[in-house]
Amino acid sequence: MEKLGFRLDVGDFPLSFYEKGDYLTLGWEDVVDFDCAIDILSNPTRREILKRLVREPHYPLQLSEHLDVSQQAIVKHLNVLEENGFVESEKVASEKGGPPKKIYTVQQSFSLRMDLGPDLFRMKHTPLPKGSPINLSTSKNLSDPAMKIANRISGRKKMSISEGAGYIAHIQGMLDDIDTERDALVALHQHVLKRVSKTVEGEFETYGERSIVHTILDNPSRPLDLDRIARDLLIHSKDMNMVIEGIRGHLANTNPEDAFIPADASTPLPWWIQG
């Protein structure tokens, strides 16, 4: 069975690697977006407003009547949602000849995920893919049954309620299956982290070293933001090379039986694994 190990090398890359924008990743800005979304969606009235708006555009008065909340409060919530890009408004002429009225629609399309356990904390905020159904079907991200649905609805602006209900039930079933497998994978992820965390605790004496190793384990396939880690741990950026070299040397000395990955410029590995 092939063994995988880590080989750390920071000699060829500057500590300001992320600041140069040479690597596309979900950076700290996306985490801020996650926090913003959690903050806004923590309000139950705002969630109810969004539930209504995804069905069809609404006027504030409509939302007030359906949700049994004062129109003044509804307008305040809509302002918060609009300021943060969740919804947008458009003025439409009044049917009774009065002043134009604002009508609201949802703008955001994203997925929020958070996993929490005794040995696990993961959160992710990703935008949903853009484009038409035919673009989704050609992206190779869909299963064959899902691709069939995408091809069937592509180019169509309307469909019958019964046909739509059938597709939605099928898609929901596929999502439920994915969620079931994902939950099992998250639990397995936690079991692995629980066991490797004991090794980290036993092999590294300083809090800084343990924090860096845990950061590596958070997502081993992505590069480290050494500047950010240095600020969080109050370590001078010039000292980070020494700390990383110490971790690399420790891994090499304590895991001599592991086969370290031979990497070159064409190998799709993060820089800290490359040798």
C-alpha atoms as a PDB file:
ATOM      1  CA  MET A   1       0.000   0.000   0.000  1.00  0.00           C
ATOM      2  CA  GLU A   2       1.398   3.360  -0.963  1.00  0.00           C
ATOM      3  CA  LYS A   3       2.341   5.582   1.944  1.00  0.00           C
ATOM      4  CA  LEU A   4       1.884   9.307   1.886  1.00  0.00           C
ATOM      5  CA  GLY A   5       3.823  11.801   3.927  1.00  0.00           C
ATOM      6  CA  PHE A   6       4.511  15.510   4.029  1.00  0.00           C
ATOM      7  CA  ARG A   7       7.680  17.229   2.995  1.00  0.00           C
ATOM      8  CA  LEU A   8       7.877  20.868   4.017  1.00  0.00           C
ATOM      9  CA  ASP A   9       9.933  23.413   2.132  1.00  0.00           C
ATOM     10  CA  VAL A  10       9.458  27.169   2.382  1.00  0.00           C
ATOM     11  CA  GLY A  11      12.756  28.221   0.893  1.00  0.00           C
ATOM     12  CA  ASP A  12      11.445  29.109  -2.550  1.00  0.00           C
ATOM     13  CA  PHE A  13       8.357  31.091  -1.551  1.00  0.00           C
ATOM     14  CA  PRO A  14       8.029  34.401   0.296  1.00  0.00           C
ATOM     15  CA  LEU A  15       6.004  34.698   3.488  1.00  0.00           C
ATOM     16  CA  SER A  16       3.779  37.193   1.685  1.00  0.00           C
ATOM     17  CA  PHE A  17       2.759  34.454  -0.777  1.00  0.00           C
ATOM     18  CA  TYR A  18      -0.971  35.015  -0.286  1.00  0.00           C
ATOM     19  CA  GLU A  19      -0.710  38.780  -0.482  1.00  0.00           C
ATOM     20  CA  LYS A  20       0.729  38.498  -4.010  1.00  0.00           C
ATOM     21  CA  GLY A  21      -2.474  36.771  -5.126  1.00  0.00           C
ATOM     22  CA  ASP A  22      -0.598  33.910  -6.793  1.00  0.00           C
ATOM     23  CA  TYR A  23      -2.895  31.234  -5.376  1.00  0.00           C
ATOM     24  CA  LEU A  24      -6.674  31.175  -5.760  1.00  0.00           C
ATOM     25  CA  THR A  25      -8.365  29.815  -2.646  1.00  0.00           C
ATOM     26  CA  LEU A  26     -11.146  30.445  -0.189  1.00  0.00           C
ATOM     27  CA  GLY A  27      -9.298  33.080   1.788  1.00  0.00           C
ATOM     28  CA  TRP A  28     -10.047  35.048   4.904  1.00  0.00           C
ATOM     29  CA  GLU A  29     -12.383  37.377   3.007  1.00  0.00           C
ATOM     30  CA  ASP A  30     -14.749  34.461   2.412  1.00  0.00           C
ATOM     31  CA  VAL A  31     -14.710  33.649   6.113  1.00  0.00           C
ATOM     32  CA  VAL A  32     -15.866  37.218   6.756  1.00  0.00           C
ATOM     33  CA  ASP A  33     -18.685  36.632   4.275  1.00  0.00           C
ATOM     34  CA  PHE A  34     -19.545  33.484   6.202  1.00  0.00           C
ATOM     35  CA  ASP A  35     -19.711  35.434   9.460  1.00  0.00           C
ATOM     36  CA  CYS A  36     -21.861  38.086   7.832  1.00  0.00           C
ATOM     37  CA  ALA A  37     -24.245  35.469   6.475  1.00  0.00           C
ATOM     38  CA  ILE A  38     -24.499  33.689   9.830  1.00  0.00           C
ATOM     39  CA  ASP A  39     -25.149  36.995  11.585  1.00  0.00           C
ATOM     40  CA  ILE A  40     -27.893  38.009   9.157  1.00  0.00           C
ATOM     41  CA  LEU A  41     -29.528  34.589   8.950  1.00  0.00           C
ATOM     42  CA  SER A  42     -29.528  34.156  12.738  1.00  0.00           C
ATOM     43  CA  ASN A  43     -32.608  36.397  12.799  1.00  0.00           C
ATOM     44  CA  PRO A  44     -35.749  34.234  12.326  1.00  0.00           C
ATOM     45  CA  THR A  45     -37.753  37.076  10.752  1.00  0.00           C
ATOM     46  CA  ARG A  46     -35.105  37.583   8.063  1.00  0.00           C
ATOM     47  CA  ARG A  47     -35.131  33.861   7.332  1.00  0.00           C
ATOM     48  CA  GLU A  48     -38.913  33.952   6.954  1.00  0.00           C
ATOM     49  CA  ILE A  49     -38.621  36.952   4.641  1.00  0.00           C
ATOM     50  CA  LEU A  50     -36.143  35.074   2.425  1.00  0.00           C
ATOM     51  CA  LYS A  51     -38.385  31.986   2.384  1.00  0.00           C
ATOM     52  CA  ARG A  52     -41.196  34.142   0.984  1.00  0.00           C
ATOM     53  CA  LEU A  53     -39.006  36.006  -1.485  1.00  0.00           C
ATOM     54  CA  VAL A  54     -37.562  32.885  -3.110  1.00  0.00           C
ATOM     55  CA  ARG A  55     -41.105  31.909  -4.094  1.00  0.00           C
ATOM     56  CA  GLU A  56     -41.971  35.231  -5.704  1.00  0.00           C
ATOM     57  CA  PRO A  57     -41.186  38.960  -5.324  1.00  0.00           C
ATOM     58  CA  HIS A  58     -42.988  40.681  -2.433  1.00  0.00           C
ATOM     59  CA  TYR A  59     -43.868  44.175  -1.316  1.00  0.00           C
ATOM     60  CA  PRO A  60     -43.109  45.130   2.310  1.00  0.00           C
ATOM     61  CA  LEU A  61     -46.842  45.357   3.063  1.00  0.00           C
ATOM     62  CA  GLN A  62     -47.367  41.817   1.773  1.00  0.00           C
ATOM     63  CA  LEU A  63     -44.581  40.485   3.996  1.00  0.00           C
ATOM     64  CA  SER A  64     -45.962  42.400   6.952  1.00  0.00           C
ATOM     65  CA  GLU A  65     -49.400  40.848   6.529  1.00  0.00           C
ATOM     66  CA  HIS A  66     -48.198  37.285   5.923  1.00  0.00           C
ATOM     67  CA  LEU A  67     -45.601  37.264   8.717  1.00  0.00           C
ATOM     68  CA  ASP A  68     -47.690  39.265  11.207  1.00  0.00           C
ATOM     69  CA  VAL A  69     -44.842  41.722  11.745  1.00  0.00           C
ATOM     70  CA  SER A  70     -45.143  45.506  11.590  1.00  0.00           C
ATOM     71  CA  GLN A  71     -44.342  47.047   8.218  1.00  0.00           C
ATOM     72  CA  GLN A  72     -41.765  49.292   9.872  1.00  0.00           C
ATOM     73  CA  ALA A  73     -39.895  46.248  11.227  1.00  0.00           C
ATOM     74  CA  ILE A  74     -40.137  44.481   7.851  1.00  0.00           C
ATOM     75  CA  VAL A  75     -38.625  47.503   6.099  1.00  0.00           C
ATOM     76  CA  LYS A  76     -35.728  47.553   8.591  1.00  0.00           C
ATOM     77  CA  HIS A  77     -35.004  43.873   7.942  1.00  0.00           C
ATOM     78  CA  LEU A  78     -35.226  44.404   4.189  1.00  0.00           C
ATOM     79  CA  ASN A  79     -32.767  47.282   4.447  1.00  0.00           C
ATOM     80  CA  VAL A  80     -30.280  45.033   6.259  1.00  0.00           C
ATOM     81  CA  LEU A  81     -30.715  42.298   3.666  1.00  0.00           C
ATOM     82  CA  GLU A  82     -30.323  44.757   0.791  1.00  0.00           C
ATOM     83  CA  GLU A  83     -27.278  46.507   2.263  1.00  0.00           C
ATOM     84  CA  ASN A  84     -25.537  43.134   2.507  1.00  0.00           C
ATOM     85  CA  GLY A  85     -26.472  42.004  -0.992  1.00  0.00           C
ATOM     86  CA  PHE A  86     -29.016  39.350  -0.027  1.00  0.00           C
ATOM     87  CA  VAL A  87     -31.921  41.044  -1.828  1.00  0.00           C
ATOM     88  CA  GLU A  88     -32.476  43.836  -4.294  1.00  0.00           C
ATOM     89  CA  SER A  89     -35.420  46.177  -4.724  1.00  0.00           C
ATOM     90  CA  GLU A  90     -37.115  47.698  -7.730  1.00  0.00           C
ATOM     91  CA  LYS A  91     -39.665  50.484  -7.859  1.00  0.00           C
ATOM     92  CA  VAL A  92     -42.822  49.559  -9.746  1.00  0.00           C
ATOM     93  CA  ALA A  93     -45.801  51.715 -10.616  1.00  0.00           C
ATOM     94  CA  SER A  94     -48.800  51.416  -8.342  1.00  0.00           C
ATOM     95  CA  GLU A  95     -51.855  49.734  -9.889  1.00  0.00           C
ATOM     96  CA  LYS A  96     -54.094  52.325  -8.239  1.00  0.00           C
ATOM     97  CA  GLY A  97     -52.191  55.338  -9.538  1.00  0.00           C
ATOM     98  CA  GLY A  98     -50.343  56.098  -6.293  1.00  0.00           C
ATOM     99  CA  PRO A  99     -46.600  56.581  -5.832  1.00  0.00           C
ATOM    100  CA  PRO A 100     -44.263  53.789  -7.001  1.00  0.00           C
ATOM    101  CA  LYS A 101     -43.749  50.931  -4.548  1.00  0.00           C
ATOM    102  CA  LYS A 102     -40.645  48.861  -3.841  1.00  0.00           C
ATOM    103  CA  ILE A 103     -40.747  45.170  -4.589  1.00  0.00           C
ATOM    104  CA  TYR A 104     -37.982  42.824  -3.372  1.00  0.00           C
ATOM    105  CA  THR A 105     -36.275  39.744  -4.838  1.00  0.00           C
ATOM    106  CA  VAL A 106     -33.440  37.487  -3.635  1.00  0.00           C
ATOM    107  CA  GLN A 107     -29.981  38.080  -5.127  1.00  0.00           C
ATOM    108  CA  GLN A 108     -27.619  35.694  -3.343  1.00  0.00           C
ATOM    109  CA  SER A 109     -26.966  32.093  -4.407  1.00  0.00           C
ATOM    110  CA  PHE A 110     -24.623  30.266  -2.041  1.00  0.00           C
ATOM    111  CA  SER A 111     -24.230  27.274   0.222  1.00  0.00           C
ATOM    112  CA  LEU A 112     -23.260  27.493   3.900  1.00  0.00           C
ATOM    113  CA  ARG A 113     -21.823  24.481   5.686  1.00  0.00           C
ATOM    114  CA  MET A 114     -20.542  24.056   9.224  1.00  0.00           C
ATOM    115  CA  ASP A 115     -19.302  20.862  10.893  1.00  0.00           C
ATOM    116  CA  LEU A 116     -18.625  20.784  14.634  1.00  0.00           C
ATOM    117  CA  GLY A 117     -17.471  17.950  16.893  1.00  0.00           C
ATOM    118  CA  PRO A 118     -15.098  17.290  19.805  1.00  0.00           C
ATOM    119  CA  ASP A 119     -12.185  17.063  17.341  1.00  0.00           C
ATOM    120  CA  LEU A 120     -13.592  18.869  14.312  1.00  0.00           C
ATOM    121  CA  PHE A 121     -14.490  22.398  13.263  1.00  0.00           C
ATOM    122  CA  ARG A 122     -15.026  23.150   9.581  1.00  0.00           C
ATOM    123  CA  MET A 123     -16.976  25.878   7.855  1.00  0.00           C
ATOM    124  CA  LYS A 124     -17.373  26.716   4.213  1.00  0.00           C
ATOM    125  CA  HIS A 125     -19.193  29.357   2.190  1.00  0.00           C
ATOM    126  CA  THR A 126     -19.320  28.667  -1.536  1.00  0.00           C
ATOM    127  CA  PRO A 127     -21.255  30.375  -4.340  1.00  0.00           C
ATOM    128  CA  LEU A 128     -23.550  28.132  -6.363  1.00  0.00           C
ATOM    129  CA  PRO A 129     -22.524  27.499  -9.985  1.00  0.00           C
ATOM    130  CA  LYS A 130     -23.801  30.051 -12.456  1.00  0.00           C
ATOM    131  CA  GLY A 131     -25.138  29.464 -15.933  1.00  0.00           C
ATOM    132  CA  SER A 132     -27.972  27.636 -17.643  1.00  0.00           C
ATOM    133  CA  PRO A 133     -28.936  23.985 -17.038  1.00  0.00           C
ATOM    134  CA  ILE A 134     -27.051  22.982 -20.176  1.00  0.00           C
ATOM    135  CA  ASN A 135     -23.895  24.556 -18.720  1.00  0.00           C
ATOM    136  CA  LEU A 136     -24.365  22.469 -15.579  1.00  0.00           C
ATOM    137  CA  SER A 137     -24.835  19.311 -17.614  1.00  0.00           C
ATOM    138  CA  THR A 138     -21.602  19.904 -19.541  1.00  0.00           C
ATOM    139  CA  SER A 139     -19.556  20.808 -16.451  1.00  0.00           C
ATOM    140  CA  LYS A 140     -19.175  17.118 -15.484  1.00  0.00           C
ATOM    141  CA  ASN A 141     -20.171  17.985 -11.912  1.00  0.00           C
ATOM    142  CA  LEU A 142     -23.551  16.254 -12.153  1.00  0.00           C
ATOM    143  CA  SER A 143     -24.425  12.570 -12.029  1.00  0.00           C
ATOM    144  CA  ASP A 144     -26.022  10.973 -15.089  1.00  0.00           C
ATOM    145  CA  PRO A 145     -29.587  11.140 -13.669  1.00  0.00           C
ATOM    146  CA  ALA A 146     -29.117  14.820 -12.790  1.00  0.00           C
ATOM    147  CA  MET A 147     -27.655  15.533 -16.233  1.00  0.00           C
ATOM    148  CA  LYS A 148     -30.765  14.050 -17.820  1.00  0.00           C
ATOM    149  CA  ILE A 149     -32.951  16.480 -15.870  1.00  0.00           C
ATOM    150  CA  ALA A 150     -30.699  19.406 -16.811  1.00  0.00           C
ATOM    151  CA  ASN A 151     -30.896  18.475 -20.494  1.00  0.00           C
ATOM    152  CA  ARG A 152     -34.669  18.057 -20.371  1.00  0.00           C
ATOM    153  CA  ILE A 153     -35.321  21.490 -18.871  1.00  0.00           C
ATOM    154  CA  SER A 154     -32.652  23.382 -20.815  1.00  0.00           C
ATOM    155  CA  GLY A 155     -34.096  26.097 -23.045  1.00  0.00           C
ATOM    156  CA  ARG A 156     -37.525  25.912 -21.414  1.00  0.00           C
ATOM    157  CA  LYS A 157     -39.011  28.869 -19.523  1.00  0.00           C
ATOM    158  CA  LYS A 158     -42.024  27.010 -18.082  1.00  0.00           C
ATOM    159  CA  MET A 159     -43.153  23.488 -17.229  1.00  0.00           C
ATOM    160  CA  SER A 160     -46.198  21.887 -15.653  1.00  0.00           C
ATOM    161  CA  ILE A 161     -46.508  21.659 -11.874  1.00  0.00           C
ATOM    162  CA  SER A 162     -46.641  17.850 -11.984  1.00  0.00           C
ATOM    163  CA  GLU A 163     -43.486  17.629 -14.112  1.00  0.00           C
ATOM    164  CA  GLY A 164     -41.665  20.115 -11.889  1.00  0.00           C
ATOM    165  CA  ALA A 165     -42.741  18.263  -8.738  1.00  0.00           C
ATOM    166  CA  GLY A 166     -41.367  15.039 -10.177  1.00  0.00           C
ATOM    167  CA  TYR A 167     -37.994  16.594 -10.961  1.00  0.00           C
ATOM    168  CA  ILE A 168     -37.810  18.304  -7.559  1.00  0.00           C
ATOM    169  CA  ALA A 169     -38.607  15.044  -5.729  1.00  0.00           C
ATOM    170  CA  HIS A 170     -35.897  13.268  -7.731  1.00  0.00           C
ATOM    171  CA  ILE A 171     -33.325  15.997  -7.084  1.00  0.00           C
ATOM    172  CA  GLN A 172     -34.235  16.111  -3.383  1.00  0.00           C
ATOM    173  CA  GLY A 173     -33.709  12.365  -3.169  1.00  0.00           C
ATOM    174  CA  MET A 174     -30.263  12.706  -4.715  1.00  0.00           C
ATOM    175  CA  LEU A 175     -29.410  15.519  -2.287  1.00  0.00           C
ATOM    176  CA  ASP A 176     -30.576  13.400   0.656  1.00  0.00           C
ATOM    177  CA  ASP A 177     -28.312  10.560  -0.484  1.00  0.00           C
ATOM    178  CA  ILE A 178     -25.375  12.959  -0.795  1.00  0.00           C
ATOM    179  CA  ASP A 179     -26.102  14.417   2.652  1.00  0.00           C
ATOM    180  CA  THR A 180     -26.222  10.927   4.191  1.00  0.00           C
ATOM    181  CA  GLU A 181     -22.837  10.040   2.716  1.00  0.00           C
ATOM    182  CA  ARG A 182     -21.435  13.441   3.653  1.00  0.00           C
ATOM    183  CA  ASP A 183     -22.514  13.015   7.288  1.00  0.00           C
ATOM    184  CA  ALA A 184     -20.732   9.654   7.402  1.00  0.00           C
ATOM    185  CA  LEU A 185     -17.602  11.177   5.836  1.00  0.00           C
ATOM    186  CA  VAL A 186     -17.631  14.047   8.342  1.00  0.00           C
ATOM    187  CA  ALA A 187     -17.866  11.506  11.187  1.00  0.00           C
ATOM    188  CA  LEU A 188     -14.962   9.540   9.669  1.00  0.00           C
ATOM    189  CA  HIS A 189     -13.011  12.795   9.297  1.00  0.00           C
ATOM    190  CA  GLN A 190     -13.524  13.418  13.013  1.00  0.00           C
ATOM    191  CA  HIS A 191     -12.284   9.904  13.923  1.00  0.00           C
ATOM    192  CA  VAL A 192      -9.079  10.510  11.941  1.00  0.00           C
ATOM    193  CA  LEU A 193      -8.558  13.924  13.543  1.00  0.00           C
ATOM    194  CA  LYS A 194      -9.110  12.494  17.028  1.00  0.00           C
ATOM    195  CA  ARG A 195      -6.353   9.966  16.517  1.00  0.00           C
ATOM    196  CA  VAL A 196      -3.857  12.264  14.820  1.00  0.00           C
ATOM    197  CA  SER A 197      -4.485  14.987  17.436  1.00  0.00           C
ATOM    198  CA  LYS A 198      -3.136  12.648  20.105  1.00  0.00           C
ATOM    199  CA  THR A 199       0.036  12.248  18.059  1.00  0.00           C
ATOM    200  CA  VAL A 200       0.385  16.016  17.623  1.00  0.00           C
ATOM    201  CA  GLU A 201      -0.036  16.541  21.366  1.00  0.00           C
ATOM    202  CA  GLY A 202       2.579  13.915  22.192  1.00  0.00           C
ATOM    203  CA  GLU A 203       5.220  14.896  19.636  1.00  0.00           C
ATOM    204  CA  PHE A 204       5.228  18.718  19.691  1.00  0.00           C
ATOM    205  CA  GLU A 205       6.042  20.600  22.891  1.00  0.00           C
ATOM    206  CA  THR A 206       5.157  24.197  22.022  1.00  0.00           C
ATOM    207  CA  TYR A 207       1.705  25.607  21.451  1.00  0.00           C
ATOM    208  CA  GLY A 208       2.910  27.386  18.297  1.00  0.00           C
ATOM    209  CA  GLU A 209       4.170  24.180  16.688  1.00  0.00           C
ATOM    210  CA  ARG A 210       0.986  22.309  17.557  1.00  0.00           C
ATOM    211  CA  SER A 211      -1.139  25.140  16.163  1.00  0.00           C
ATOM    212  CA  ILE A 212       0.753  25.127  12.857  1.00  0.00           C
ATOM    213  CA  VAL A 213       0.478  21.335  12.512  1.00  0.00           C
ATOM    214  CA  HIS A 214      -3.261  21.516  13.261  1.00  0.00           C
ATOM    215  CA  THR A 215      -3.567  24.254  10.637  1.00  0.00           C
ATOM    216  CA  ILE A 216      -1.878  21.959   8.122  1.00  0.00           C
ATOM    217  CA  LEU A 217      -4.304  19.178   9.063  1.00  0.00           C
ATOM    218  CA  ASP A 218      -7.301  21.479   8.619  1.00  0.00           C
ATOM    219  CA  ASN A 219      -6.818  21.154   4.869  1.00  0.00           C
ATOM    220  CA  PRO A 220      -3.584  19.407   3.847  1.00  0.00           C
ATOM    221  CA  SER A 221      -4.099  20.047   0.129  1.00  0.00           C
ATOM    222  CA  ARG A 222      -4.042  23.838   0.460  1.00  0.00           C
ATOM    223  CA  PRO A 223      -1.123  26.183   1.171  1.00  0.00           C
ATOM    224  CA  LEU A 224      -0.577  27.881   4.494  1.00  0.00           C
ATOM    225  CA  ASP A 225      -1.052  31.592   5.041  1.00  0.00           C
ATOM    226  CA  LEU A 226       2.122  32.018   7.090  1.00  0.00           C
ATOM    227  CA  ASP A 227       1.608  35.749   7.570  1.00  0.00           C
ATOM    228  CA  ARG A 228      -1.795  35.143   9.129  1.00  0.00           C
ATOM    229  CA  ILE A 229      -0.527  32.327  11.351  1.00  0.00           C
ATOM    230  CA  ALA A 230       2.375  34.492  12.514  1.00  0.00           C
ATOM    231  CA  ARG A 231      -0.017  37.305  13.475  1.00  0.00           C
ATOM    232  CA  ASP A 232      -2.410  34.935  15.269  1.00  0.00           C
ATOM    233  CA  LEU A 233       0.390  33.282  17.250  1.00  0.00           C
ATOM    234  CA  LEU A 234       2.279  36.550  17.865  1.00  0.00           C
ATOM    235  CA  ILE A 235       5.337  35.107  16.116  1.00  0.00           C
ATOM    236  CA  HIS A 236       7.577  37.424  14.128  1.00  0.00           C
ATOM    237  CA  SER A 237       7.283  36.554  10.453  1.00  0.00           C
ATOM    238  CA  LYS A 238      11.076  36.152  10.227  1.00  0.00           C
ATOM    239  CA  ASP A 239      10.871  33.391  12.853  1.00  0.00           C
ATOM    240  CA  MET A 240       8.299  31.400  10.884  1.00  0.00           C
ATOM    241  CA  ASN A 241      10.967  29.835   8.665  1.00  0.00           C
ATOM    242  CA  MET A 242      12.710  28.474  11.744  1.00  0.00           C
ATOM    243  CA  VAL A 243       9.465  27.068  13.186  1.00  0.00           C
ATOM    244  CA  ILE A 244       8.464  25.448   9.891  1.00  0.00           C
ATOM    245  CA  GLU A 245      11.949  23.985   9.441  1.00  0.00           C
ATOM    246  CA  GLY A 246      11.673  22.539  12.951  1.00  0.00           C
ATOM    247  CA  ILE A 247       8.339  20.908  12.139  1.00  0.00           C
ATOM    248  CA  ARG A 248       9.693  19.519   8.878  1.00  0.00           C
ATOM    249  CA  GLY A 249      12.741  18.099  10.576  1.00  0.00           C
ATOM    250  CA  HIS A 250      10.630  16.553  13.329  1.00  0.00           C
ATOM    251  CA  LEU A 251       8.315  14.847  10.826  1.00  0.00           C
ATOM    252  CA  ALA A 252      11.281  13.535   8.844  1.00  0.00           C
ATOM    253  CA  ASN A 253      13.038  12.182  11.954  1.00  0.00           C
ATOM    254  CA  THR A 254       9.998  10.622  13.597  1.00  0.00           C
ATOM    255  CA  ASN A 255       8.515   9.106  10.426  1.00  0.00           C
ATOM    256  CA  PRO A 256      11.511   7.592   8.593  1.00  0.00           C
ATOM    257  CA  GLU A 257       9.416   4.665   7.337  1.00  0.00           C
ATOM    258  CA  ASP A 258       6.992   6.939   5.489  1.00  0.00           C
ATOM    259  CA  ALA A 259       7.546   7.539   1.800  1.00  0.00           C
ATOM    260  CA  PHE A 260       7.675  11.277   1.267  1.00  0.00           C
ATOM    261  CA  ILE A 261       5.981  12.549  -1.859  1.00  0.00           C
ATOM    262  CA  PRO A 262       8.458  13.380  -4.653  1.00  0.00           C
ATOM    263  CA  ALA A 263       7.186  16.669  -6.074  1.00  0.00           C
ATOM    264  CA  ASP A 264       8.233  18.862  -8.931  1.00  0.00           C
ATOM    265  CA  ALA A 265       6.846  21.934 -10.663  1.00  0.00           C
ATOM    266  CA  SER A 266       4.239  19.873 -12.537  1.00  0.00           C
ATOM    267  CA  THR A 267       2.879  18.146  -9.413  1.00  0.00           C
ATOM    268  CA  PRO A 268      -0.437  19.677  -8.230  1.00  0.00           C
ATOM    269  CA  LEU A 269       0.554  19.936  -4.577  1.00  0.00           C
ATOM    270  CA  PRO A 270       0.571  22.946  -2.254  1.00  0.00           C
ATOM    271  CA  TRP A 271       3.954  24.579  -1.916  1.00  0.00           C
ATOM    272  CA  TRP A 272       4.578  23.358   1.627  1.00  0.00           C
ATOM    273  CA  ILE A 273       4.594  19.706   0.462  1.00  0.00           C
ATOM    274  CA  GLN A 274       6.886  20.309  -2.490  1.00  0.00           C
ATOM    275  CA  GLY A 275      10.507  19.411  -2.232  1.00  0.00           C
END
